[in-house]
All heavy atoms as atom14 arrays in JSON, in Angstrom:
{
  "sequence": "AKLIDQYLRKANDELAEVKKETAGVMAEESRTRRLVEENEKESARQT",
  "atom14_mask": [
    [1, 1, 1, 1, 1, 0, 0, 0, 0, 0, 0, 0, 0, 0],
    [1, 1, 1, 1, 1, 1, 1, 1, 1, 0, 0, 0, 0, 0],
    [1, 1, 1, 1, 1, 1, 1, 1, 0, 0, 0, 0, 0, 0],
    [1, 1, 1, 1, 1, 1, 1, 1, 0, 0, 0, 0, 0, 0],
    [1, 1, 1, 1, 1, 1, 1, 1, 0, 0, 0, 0, 0, 0],
    [1, 1, 1, 1, 1, 1, 1, 1, 1, 0, 0, 0, 0, 0],
    [1, 1, 1, 1, 1, 1, 1, 1, 1, 1, 1, 1, 0, 0],
    [1, 1, 1, 1, 1, 1, 1, 1, 0, 0, 0, 0, 0, 0],
    [1, 1, 1, 1, 1, 1, 1, 1, 1, 1, 1, 0, 0, 0],
    [1, 1, 1, 1, 1, 1, 1, 1, 1, 0, 0, 0, 0, 0],
    [1, 1, 1, 1, 1, 0, 0, 0, 0, 0, 0, 0, 0, 0],
    [1, 1, 1, 1, 1, 1, 1, 1, 0, 0, 0, 0, 0, 0],
    [1, 1, 1, 1, 1, 1, 1, 1, 0, 0, 0, 0, 0, 0],
    [1, 1, 1, 1, 1, 1, 1, 1, 1, 0, 0, 0, 0, 0],
    [1, 1, 1, 1, 1, 1, 1, 1, 0, 0, 0, 0, 0, 0],
    [1, 1, 1, 1, 1, 0, 0, 0, 0, 0, 0, 0, 0, 0],
    [1, 1, 1, 1, 1, 1, 1, 1, 1, 0, 0, 0, 0, 0],
    [1, 1, 1, 1, 1, 1, 1, 0, 0, 0, 0, 0, 0, 0],
    [1, 1, 1, 1, 1, 1, 1, 1, 1, 0, 0, 0, 0, 0],
    [1, 1, 1, 1, 1, 1, 1, 1, 1, 0, 0, 0, 0, 0],
    [1, 1, 1, 1, 1, 1, 1, 1, 1, 0, 0, 0, 0, 0],
    [1, 1, 1, 1, 1, 1, 1, 0, 0, 0, 0, 0, 0, 0],
    [1, 1, 1, 1, 1, 0, 0, 0, 0, 0, 0, 0, 0, 0],
    [1, 1, 1, 1, 0, 0, 0, 0, 0, 0, 0, 0, 0, 0],
    [1, 1, 1, 1, 1, 1, 1, 0, 0, 0, 0, 0, 0, 0],
    [1, 1, 1, 1, 1, 1, 1, 1, 0, 0, 0, 0, 0, 0],
    [1, 1, 1, 1, 1, 0, 0, 0, 0, 0, 0, 0, 0, 0],
    [1, 1, 1, 1, 1, 1, 1, 1, 1, 0, 0, 0, 0, 0],
    [1, 1, 1, 1, 1, 1, 1, 1, 1, 0, 0, 0, 0, 0],
    [1, 1, 1, 1, 1, 1, 0, 0, 0, 0, 0, 0, 0, 0],
    [1, 1, 1, 1, 1, 1, 1, 1, 1, 1, 1, 0, 0, 0],
    [1, 1, 1, 1, 1, 1, 1, 0, 0, 0, 0, 0, 0, 0],
    [1, 1, 1, 1, 1, 1, 1, 1, 1, 1, 1, 0, 0, 0],
    [1, 1, 1, 1, 1, 1, 1, 1, 1, 1, 1, 0, 0, 0],
    [1, 1, 1, 1, 1, 1, 1, 1, 0, 0, 0, 0, 0, 0],
    [1, 1, 1, 1, 1, 1, 1, 0, 0, 0, 0, 0, 0, 0],
    [1, 1, 1, 1, 1, 1, 1, 1, 1, 0, 0, 0, 0, 0],
    [1, 1, 1, 1, 1, 1, 1, 1, 1, 0, 0, 0, 0, 0],
    [1, 1, 1, 1, 1, 1, 1, 1, 0, 0, 0, 0, 0, 0],
    [1, 1, 1, 1, 1, 1, 1, 1, 1, 0, 0, 0, 0, 0],
    [1, 1, 1, 1, 1, 1, 1, 1, 1, 0, 0, 0, 0, 0],
    [1, 1, 1, 1, 1, 1, 1, 1, 1, 0, 0, 0, 0, 0],
    [1, 1, 1, 1, 1, 1, 0, 0, 0, 0, 0, 0, 0, 0],
    [1, 1, 1, 1, 1, 0, 0, 0, 0, 0, 0, 0, 0, 0],
    [1, 1, 1, 1, 1, 1, 1, 1, 1, 1, 1, 0, 0, 0],
    [1, 1, 1, 1, 1, 1, 1, 1, 1, 0, 0, 0, 0, 0],
    [1, 1, 1, 1, 1, 1, 1, 0, 0, 0, 0, 0, 0, 0]
  ],
  "atom14_positions": [
    [[26.05, 5.27, -21.34], [25.84, 5.65, -19.99], [24.66, 6.54, -19.83], [23.77, 6.24, -18.91], [27.06, 6.23, -19.28], [0.0, 0.0, 0.0], [0.0, 0.0, 0.0], [0.0, 0.0, 0.0], [0.0, 0.0, 0.0], [0.0, 0.0, 0.0], [0.0, 0.0, 0.0], [0.0, 0.0, 0.0], [0.0, 0.0, 0.0], [0.0, 0.0, 0.0]],
    [[24.5, 7.55, -20.64], [23.38, 8.47, -20.57], [22.11, 7.83, -21.05], [21.02, 7.92, -20.52], [23.72, 9.74, -21.33], [24.8, 10.65, -20.85], [24.93, 11.84, -21.68], [26.0, 12.73, -20.99], [26.16, 13.97, -21.91], [0.0, 0.0, 0.0], [0.0, 0.0, 0.0], [0.0, 0.0, 0.0], [0.0, 0.0, 0.0], [0.0, 0.0, 0.0]],
    [[22.21, 6.96, -22.11], [21.14, 6.21, -22.67], [20.43, 5.35, -21.66], [19.23, 5.21, -21.63], [21.44, 5.57, -24.01], [20.28, 4.87, -24.71], [19.28, 5.95, -25.16], [20.86, 3.99, -25.83], [0.0, 0.0, 0.0], [0.0, 0.0, 0.0], [0.0, 0.0, 0.0], [0.0, 0.0, 0.0], [0.0, 0.0, 0.0], [0.0, 0.0, 0.0]],
    [[21.37, 4.64, -21.04], [20.74, 3.57, -19.96], [20.1, 4.28, -18.96], [18.99, 3.9, -18.47], [21.93, 2.69, -19.47], [21.23, 1.4, -18.71], [22.78, 3.51, -18.44], [22.36, 0.52, -18.28], [0.0, 0.0, 0.0], [0.0, 0.0, 0.0], [0.0, 0.0, 0.0], [0.0, 0.0, 0.0], [0.0, 0.0, 0.0], [0.0, 0.0, 0.0]],
    [[20.54, 5.42, -18.44], [19.82, 6.27, -17.47], [18.42, 6.72, -18.09], [17.39, 6.67, -17.32], [20.61, 7.54, -17.13], [21.76, 7.12, -16.21], [21.7, 5.99, -15.64], [22.66, 7.92, -16.05], [0.0, 0.0, 0.0], [0.0, 0.0, 0.0], [0.0, 0.0, 0.0], [0.0, 0.0, 0.0], [0.0, 0.0, 0.0], [0.0, 0.0, 0.0]],
    [[18.4, 7.13, -19.33], [17.21, 7.6, -19.95], [16.27, 6.33, -20.11], [14.98, 6.44, -19.81], [17.41, 8.16, -21.24], [18.13, 9.43, -21.23], [18.5, 9.85, -22.69], [18.18, 9.34, -23.67], [19.36, 11.03, -22.7], [0.0, 0.0, 0.0], [0.0, 0.0, 0.0], [0.0, 0.0, 0.0], [0.0, 0.0, 0.0], [0.0, 0.0, 0.0]],
    [[16.74, 5.18, -20.48], [15.93, 3.91, -20.68], [15.32, 3.58, -19.33], [14.23, 3.2, -19.18], [16.74, 2.89, -21.21], [15.91, 1.62, -21.41], [14.99, 1.5, -22.33], [16.07, 0.57, -20.37], [14.26, 0.25, -22.46], [15.4, -0.62, -20.59], [14.34, -0.73, -21.59], [13.71, -1.83, -21.56], [0.0, 0.0, 0.0], [0.0, 0.0, 0.0]],
    [[16.2, 3.7, -18.23], [15.66, 3.26, -16.86], [14.62, 4.08, -16.43], [13.56, 3.77, -15.88], [16.88, 3.3, -15.9], [17.69, 2.08, -15.87], [19.01, 2.27, -15.07], [16.99, 0.9, -15.37], [0.0, 0.0, 0.0], [0.0, 0.0, 0.0], [0.0, 0.0, 0.0], [0.0, 0.0, 0.0], [0.0, 0.0, 0.0], [0.0, 0.0, 0.0]],
    [[14.67, 5.54, -16.71], [13.64, 6.36, -16.3], [12.42, 6.04, -17.0], [11.27, 6.13, -16.41], [14.03, 7.77, -16.53], [15.2, 8.37, -15.6], [15.23, 9.92, -15.63], [15.74, 10.3, -17.05], [17.16, 10.39, -17.18], [17.92, 10.21, -16.23], [17.46, 10.77, -18.43], [0.0, 0.0, 0.0], [0.0, 0.0, 0.0], [0.0, 0.0, 0.0]],
    [[12.53, 5.84, -18.36], [11.34, 5.39, -19.05], [10.66, 4.12, -18.68], [9.46, 4.02, -18.54], [11.78, 5.31, -20.54], [10.43, 5.07, -21.49], [10.97, 4.85, -22.96], [9.81, 4.61, -23.87], [10.12, 4.49, -25.31], [0.0, 0.0, 0.0], [0.0, 0.0, 0.0], [0.0, 0.0, 0.0], [0.0, 0.0, 0.0], [0.0, 0.0, 0.0]],
    [[11.55, 3.09, -18.42], [11.15, 1.88, -17.95], [10.34, 1.92, -16.61], [9.33, 1.22, -16.35], [12.24, 0.85, -17.93], [0.0, 0.0, 0.0], [0.0, 0.0, 0.0], [0.0, 0.0, 0.0], [0.0, 0.0, 0.0], [0.0, 0.0, 0.0], [0.0, 0.0, 0.0], [0.0, 0.0, 0.0], [0.0, 0.0, 0.0], [0.0, 0.0, 0.0]],
    [[10.92, 2.7, -15.73], [10.33, 2.93, -14.4], [8.92, 3.64, -14.53], [8.0, 3.31, -13.76], [11.17, 3.77, -13.43], [12.26, 2.75, -12.9], [12.0, 1.75, -12.44], [13.58, 3.27, -12.99], [0.0, 0.0, 0.0], [0.0, 0.0, 0.0], [0.0, 0.0, 0.0], [0.0, 0.0, 0.0], [0.0, 0.0, 0.0], [0.0, 0.0, 0.0]],
    [[8.81, 4.51, -15.5], [7.6, 5.15, -15.64], [6.61, 4.25, -16.23], [5.42, 4.23, -15.76], [7.7, 6.47, -16.74], [8.54, 7.53, -16.13], [8.63, 7.69, -14.89], [9.01, 8.41, -16.9], [0.0, 0.0, 0.0], [0.0, 0.0, 0.0], [0.0, 0.0, 0.0], [0.0, 0.0, 0.0], [0.0, 0.0, 0.0], [0.0, 0.0, 0.0]],
    [[6.98, 3.35, -17.09], [6.12, 2.36, -17.72], [5.76, 1.38, -16.65], [4.6, 0.89, -16.61], [6.87, 1.64, -18.85], [7.03, 2.59, -20.08], [7.99, 1.9, -21.24], [8.55, 0.89, -20.88], [7.84, 2.32, -22.37], [0.0, 0.0, 0.0], [0.0, 0.0, 0.0], [0.0, 0.0, 0.0], [0.0, 0.0, 0.0], [0.0, 0.0, 0.0]],
    [[6.66, 1.04, -15.74], [6.36, 0.06, -14.72], [5.41, 0.67, -13.62], [4.38, -0.11, -13.27], [7.68, -0.25, -13.84], [7.42, -1.14, -12.67], [6.96, -2.57, -13.15], [8.67, -1.32, -11.93], [0.0, 0.0, 0.0], [0.0, 0.0, 0.0], [0.0, 0.0, 0.0], [0.0, 0.0, 0.0], [0.0, 0.0, 0.0], [0.0, 0.0, 0.0]],
    [[5.41, 1.94, -13.36], [4.41, 2.57, -12.57], [3.0, 2.55, -13.18], [2.03, 2.24, -12.51], [4.86, 4.09, -12.26], [0.0, 0.0, 0.0], [0.0, 0.0, 0.0], [0.0, 0.0, 0.0], [0.0, 0.0, 0.0], [0.0, 0.0, 0.0], [0.0, 0.0, 0.0], [0.0, 0.0, 0.0], [0.0, 0.0, 0.0], [0.0, 0.0, 0.0]],
    [[2.93, 2.75, -14.56], [1.76, 2.68, -15.31], [1.11, 1.39, -15.29], [-0.12, 1.0, -15.15], [1.85, 3.28, -16.75], [0.56, 3.52, -17.38], [0.8, 4.31, -18.68], [1.89, 4.86, -18.96], [-0.26, 4.57, -19.31], [0.0, 0.0, 0.0], [0.0, 0.0, 0.0], [0.0, 0.0, 0.0], [0.0, 0.0, 0.0], [0.0, 0.0, 0.0]],
    [[1.98, 0.27, -15.61], [1.6, -1.12, -15.66], [1.11, -1.54, -14.22], [0.26, -2.24, -14.14], [2.77, -1.97, -16.11], [2.51, -3.44, -15.93], [3.07, -1.74, -17.66], [0.0, 0.0, 0.0], [0.0, 0.0, 0.0], [0.0, 0.0, 0.0], [0.0, 0.0, 0.0], [0.0, 0.0, 0.0], [0.0, 0.0, 0.0], [0.0, 0.0, 0.0]],
    [[1.83, -1.12, -13.16], [1.52, -1.4, -11.89], [0.06, -0.89, -11.62], [-0.79, -1.6, -11.05], [2.42, -0.88, -10.79], [2.11, -1.2, -9.47], [3.26, -0.73, -8.43], [4.51, -1.48, -8.76], [5.56, -1.05, -7.82], [0.0, 0.0, 0.0], [0.0, 0.0, 0.0], [0.0, 0.0, 0.0], [0.0, 0.0, 0.0], [0.0, 0.0, 0.0]],
    [[-0.28, 0.3, -11.98], [-1.59, 0.99, -11.85], [-2.65, 0.24, -12.63], [-3.63, -0.23, -12.0], [-1.62, 2.44, -12.22], [-2.81, 3.17, -12.07], [-2.71, 4.52, -12.46], [-4.07, 5.24, -12.41], [-3.95, 6.63, -12.88], [0.0, 0.0, 0.0], [0.0, 0.0, 0.0], [0.0, 0.0, 0.0], [0.0, 0.0, 0.0], [0.0, 0.0, 0.0]],
    [[-2.33, -0.14, -13.86], [-3.34, -0.89, -14.69], [-3.53, -2.33, -14.1], [-4.55, -2.93, -14.1], [-2.83, -1.0, -16.12], [-2.75, 0.4, -16.77], [-4.18, 1.02, -17.09], [-5.17, 0.35, -16.88], [-4.22, 2.17, -17.27], [0.0, 0.0, 0.0], [0.0, 0.0, 0.0], [0.0, 0.0, 0.0], [0.0, 0.0, 0.0], [0.0, 0.0, 0.0]],
    [[-2.47, -2.92, -13.65], [-2.5, -4.29, -13.18], [-3.47, -4.33, -11.88], [-4.15, -5.22, -11.64], [-1.12, -4.78, -12.77], [-0.19, -4.84, -13.95], [-1.09, -6.11, -12.2], [0.0, 0.0, 0.0], [0.0, 0.0, 0.0], [0.0, 0.0, 0.0], [0.0, 0.0, 0.0], [0.0, 0.0, 0.0], [0.0, 0.0, 0.0], [0.0, 0.0, 0.0]],
    [[-3.18, -3.29, -10.98], [-3.99, -3.27, -9.71], [-5.44, -3.13, -10.16], [-6.42, -3.71, -9.51], [-3.6, -2.03, -8.99], [0.0, 0.0, 0.0], [0.0, 0.0, 0.0], [0.0, 0.0, 0.0], [0.0, 0.0, 0.0], [0.0, 0.0, 0.0], [0.0, 0.0, 0.0], [0.0, 0.0, 0.0], [0.0, 0.0, 0.0], [0.0, 0.0, 0.0]],
    [[-5.77, -2.4, -11.2], [-7.15, -2.17, -11.68], [-7.73, -3.56, -12.22], [-8.78, -3.92, -11.9], [0.0, 0.0, 0.0], [0.0, 0.0, 0.0], [0.0, 0.0, 0.0], [0.0, 0.0, 0.0], [0.0, 0.0, 0.0], [0.0, 0.0, 0.0], [0.0, 0.0, 0.0], [0.0, 0.0, 0.0], [0.0, 0.0, 0.0], [0.0, 0.0, 0.0]],
    [[-6.9, -4.2, -13.0], [-7.4, -5.53, -13.67], [-7.74, -6.45, -12.47], [-8.59, -7.32, -12.45], [-6.37, -6.04, -14.66], [-6.74, -7.5, -15.08], [-6.4, -5.12, -15.9], [0.0, 0.0, 0.0], [0.0, 0.0, 0.0], [0.0, 0.0, 0.0], [0.0, 0.0, 0.0], [0.0, 0.0, 0.0], [0.0, 0.0, 0.0], [0.0, 0.0, 0.0]],
    [[-6.65, -6.45, -11.44], [-6.76, -7.54, -10.43], [-7.89, -7.17, -9.48], [-8.7, -8.06, -8.99], [-5.48, -7.47, -9.6], [-4.26, -8.06, -10.25], [-2.65, -7.85, -9.23], [-3.04, -9.18, -7.96], [0.0, 0.0, 0.0], [0.0, 0.0, 0.0], [0.0, 0.0, 0.0], [0.0, 0.0, 0.0], [0.0, 0.0, 0.0], [0.0, 0.0, 0.0]],
    [[-8.23, -5.91, -9.25], [-9.43, -5.41, -8.72], [-10.72, -5.94, -9.26], [-11.72, -6.41, -8.7], [-9.45, -3.94, -8.4], [0.0, 0.0, 0.0], [0.0, 0.0, 0.0], [0.0, 0.0, 0.0], [0.0, 0.0, 0.0], [0.0, 0.0, 0.0], [0.0, 0.0, 0.0], [0.0, 0.0, 0.0], [0.0, 0.0, 0.0], [0.0, 0.0, 0.0]],
    [[-10.79, -5.88, -10.65], [-11.86, -6.33, -11.48], [-12.07, -7.81, -11.24], [-13.27, -8.3, -11.15], [-11.72, -5.85, -12.9], [-12.86, -6.44, -13.81], [-14.22, -5.73, -13.58], [-14.15, -4.71, -12.8], [-15.25, -6.23, -13.96], [0.0, 0.0, 0.0], [0.0, 0.0, 0.0], [0.0, 0.0, 0.0], [0.0, 0.0, 0.0], [0.0, 0.0, 0.0]],
    [[-10.94, -8.59, -11.29], [-11.11, -10.02, -11.04], [-11.63, -10.37, -9.62], [-12.45, -11.16, -9.47], [-9.61, -10.54, -11.19], [-9.6, -12.17, -11.22], [-9.56, -12.69, -9.76], [-9.11, -11.98, -8.83], [-9.98, -13.89, -9.57], [0.0, 0.0, 0.0], [0.0, 0.0, 0.0], [0.0, 0.0, 0.0], [0.0, 0.0, 0.0], [0.0, 0.0, 0.0]],
    [[-11.25, -9.59, -8.62], [-11.78, -9.87, -7.25], [-13.19, -9.46, -7.22], [-14.01, -10.15, -6.61], [-10.96, -8.94, -6.31], [-9.62, -9.3, -6.18], [0.0, 0.0, 0.0], [0.0, 0.0, 0.0], [0.0, 0.0, 0.0], [0.0, 0.0, 0.0], [0.0, 0.0, 0.0], [0.0, 0.0, 0.0], [0.0, 0.0, 0.0], [0.0, 0.0, 0.0]],
    [[-13.66, -8.48, -7.87], [-15.05, -8.01, -7.93], [-15.9, -9.11, -8.56], [-17.02, -9.48, -8.05], [-15.23, -6.73, -8.66], [-16.64, -6.02, -8.51], [-16.73, -4.85, -9.35], [-16.75, -5.11, -10.78], [-17.89, -5.57, -11.55], [-19.01, -5.66, -10.77], [-17.9, -5.72, -12.76], [0.0, 0.0, 0.0], [0.0, 0.0, 0.0], [0.0, 0.0, 0.0]],
    [[-15.46, -9.57, -9.84], [-16.34, -10.67, -10.39], [-16.26, -11.98, -9.72], [-17.24, -12.76, -9.66], [-15.73, -10.93, -11.9], [-14.29, -11.21, -11.81], [-15.87, -9.59, -12.72], [0.0, 0.0, 0.0], [0.0, 0.0, 0.0], [0.0, 0.0, 0.0], [0.0, 0.0, 0.0], [0.0, 0.0, 0.0], [0.0, 0.0, 0.0], [0.0, 0.0, 0.0]],
    [[-15.18, -12.24, -9.05], [-15.12, -13.51, -8.21], [-16.1, -13.35, -7.09], [-16.77, -14.29, -6.78], [-13.62, -13.72, -7.76], [-13.59, -15.02, -6.94], [-12.19, -15.33, -6.4], [-11.88, -14.36, -5.43], [-10.85, -13.45, -5.53], [-10.31, -13.25, -6.75], [-10.53, -12.5, -4.61], [0.0, 0.0, 0.0], [0.0, 0.0, 0.0], [0.0, 0.0, 0.0]],
    [[-16.19, -12.16, -6.5], [-17.07, -12.06, -5.34], [-18.57, -12.1, -5.85], [-19.36, -12.75, -5.14], [-16.88, -10.61, -4.74], [-17.62, -10.33, -3.52], [-16.99, -9.18, -2.75], [-16.91, -7.95, -3.63], [-15.77, -7.51, -4.09], [-14.59, -8.09, -3.71], [-15.72, -6.32, -4.75], [0.0, 0.0, 0.0], [0.0, 0.0, 0.0], [0.0, 0.0, 0.0]],
    [[-18.8, -11.62, -7.12], [-20.2, -11.68, -7.52], [-20.5, -13.26, -7.75], [-21.64, -13.65, -7.63], [-20.29, -10.96, -8.89], [-20.26, -9.4, -8.84], [-20.26, -8.78, -10.22], [-21.42, -9.0, -8.01], [0.0, 0.0, 0.0], [0.0, 0.0, 0.0], [0.0, 0.0, 0.0], [0.0, 0.0, 0.0], [0.0, 0.0, 0.0], [0.0, 0.0, 0.0]],
    [[-19.52, -13.98, -8.34], [-19.85, -15.41, -8.54], [-20.06, -16.17, -7.24], [-21.03, -17.01, -7.05], [-18.72, -16.13, -9.24], [-18.7, -17.58, -9.21], [-18.47, -15.6, -10.68], [0.0, 0.0, 0.0], [0.0, 0.0, 0.0], [0.0, 0.0, 0.0], [0.0, 0.0, 0.0], [0.0, 0.0, 0.0], [0.0, 0.0, 0.0], [0.0, 0.0, 0.0]],
    [[-19.34, -15.73, -6.2], [-19.48, -16.49, -4.96], [-20.8, -16.0, -4.31], [-21.64, -16.83, -3.64], [-18.37, -15.95, -3.97], [-16.98, -16.48, -4.29], [-15.88, -15.94, -3.5], [-16.07, -14.94, -2.75], [-14.74, -16.42, -3.54], [0.0, 0.0, 0.0], [0.0, 0.0, 0.0], [0.0, 0.0, 0.0], [0.0, 0.0, 0.0], [0.0, 0.0, 0.0]],
    [[-21.25, -14.66, -4.54], [-22.45, -14.33, -3.88], [-23.64, -14.88, -4.7], [-24.78, -15.29, -4.08], [-22.73, -12.78, -4.16], [-21.72, -12.07, -3.2], [-21.79, -10.55, -3.4], [-22.38, -10.08, -4.39], [-21.16, -9.72, -2.66], [0.0, 0.0, 0.0], [0.0, 0.0, 0.0], [0.0, 0.0, 0.0], [0.0, 0.0, 0.0], [0.0, 0.0, 0.0]],
    [[-23.52, -15.18, -6.05], [-24.53, -15.84, -6.81], [-24.67, -17.26, -6.35], [-25.83, -17.77, -6.24], [-24.19, -15.76, -8.37], [-25.18, -16.54, -9.21], [-24.88, -17.71, -9.44], [-26.06, -15.81, -9.72], [0.0, 0.0, 0.0], [0.0, 0.0, 0.0], [0.0, 0.0, 0.0], [0.0, 0.0, 0.0], [0.0, 0.0, 0.0], [0.0, 0.0, 0.0]],
    [[-23.53, -17.96, -6.03], [-23.61, -19.28, -5.59], [-24.34, -19.39, -4.18], [-25.03, -20.4, -3.98], [-22.22, -19.92, -5.64], [-21.58, -20.1, -6.92], [-20.09, -20.57, -6.87], [-19.59, -20.52, -5.82], [-19.7, -21.04, -7.92], [0.0, 0.0, 0.0], [0.0, 0.0, 0.0], [0.0, 0.0, 0.0], [0.0, 0.0, 0.0], [0.0, 0.0, 0.0]],
    [[-24.03, -18.45, -3.4], [-24.63, -18.5, -2.12], [-26.09, -18.21, -2.17], [-26.92, -18.84, -1.52], [-23.99, -17.4, -1.14], [-22.6, -17.67, -0.72], [-22.09, -16.5, 0.19], [-20.67, -16.76, 0.69], [-20.18, -15.61, 1.44], [0.0, 0.0, 0.0], [0.0, 0.0, 0.0], [0.0, 0.0, 0.0], [0.0, 0.0, 0.0], [0.0, 0.0, 0.0]],
    [[-26.51, -17.36, -3.11], [-27.99, -17.08, -3.23], [-28.67, -18.36, -3.87], [-29.77, -18.65, -3.48], [-28.12, -15.9, -4.11], [-29.62, -15.54, -4.43], [-30.35, -15.12, -3.11], [-29.64, -14.62, -2.06], [-31.59, -15.18, -3.07], [0.0, 0.0, 0.0], [0.0, 0.0, 0.0], [0.0, 0.0, 0.0], [0.0, 0.0, 0.0], [0.0, 0.0, 0.0]],
    [[-27.93, -18.96, -4.75], [-28.55, -20.12, -5.33], [-28.7, -21.27, -4.24], [-29.78, -22.02, -4.27], [-27.68, -20.69, -6.47], [-28.13, -21.96, -6.97], [0.0, 0.0, 0.0], [0.0, 0.0, 0.0], [0.0, 0.0, 0.0], [0.0, 0.0, 0.0], [0.0, 0.0, 0.0], [0.0, 0.0, 0.0], [0.0, 0.0, 0.0], [0.0, 0.0, 0.0]],
    [[-27.74, -21.37, -3.43], [-27.82, -22.42, -2.34], [-28.9, -21.98, -1.4], [-29.62, -22.81, -0.83], [-26.5, -22.46, -1.58], [0.0, 0.0, 0.0], [0.0, 0.0, 0.0], [0.0, 0.0, 0.0], [0.0, 0.0, 0.0], [0.0, 0.0, 0.0], [0.0, 0.0, 0.0], [0.0, 0.0, 0.0], [0.0, 0.0, 0.0], [0.0, 0.0, 0.0]],
    [[-29.21, -20.65, -1.19], [-30.24, -20.12, -0.26], [-31.68, -20.57, -0.78], [-32.49, -21.0, -0.12], [-30.1, -18.73, -0.09], [-31.0, -18.13, 1.13], [-30.66, -16.6, 1.38], [-31.29, -15.91, 0.32], [-32.52, -15.49, 0.35], [-33.22, -15.66, 1.41], [-33.01, -14.62, -0.57], [0.0, 0.0, 0.0], [0.0, 0.0, 0.0], [0.0, 0.0, 0.0]],
    [[-31.73, -20.42, -2.21], [-33.08, -20.7, -2.92], [-33.35, -22.23, -2.72], [-34.44, -22.67, -2.49], [-33.0, -20.17, -4.23], [-33.01, -18.68, -4.38], [-34.18, -17.98, -3.86], [-35.29, -18.49, -3.79], [-33.92, -16.8, -3.24], [0.0, 0.0, 0.0], [0.0, 0.0, 0.0], [0.0, 0.0, 0.0], [0.0, 0.0, 0.0], [0.0, 0.0, 0.0]],
    [[-32.24, -22.95, -2.78], [-32.44, -24.4, -2.74], [-32.83, -24.74, -1.29], [-33.74, -25.61, -1.13], [-31.09, -25.17, -3.02], [-30.68, -24.85, -4.26], [-31.27, -26.69, -2.82], [0.0, 0.0, 0.0], [0.0, 0.0, 0.0], [0.0, 0.0, 0.0], [0.0, 0.0, 0.0], [0.0, 0.0, 0.0], [0.0, 0.0, 0.0], [0.0, 0.0, 0.0]]
  ]
}
């Protein structure tokens, strides 16, 4: 019973860290996607 409480606390701490890292990775994906879209728009403009 005590161990499961300890494990839950640790797992929740890990989840909070994973959530933070996941948000950062997803933000990077959004940034690179936006760069690709801007590049394509600029290519179309030059055409």
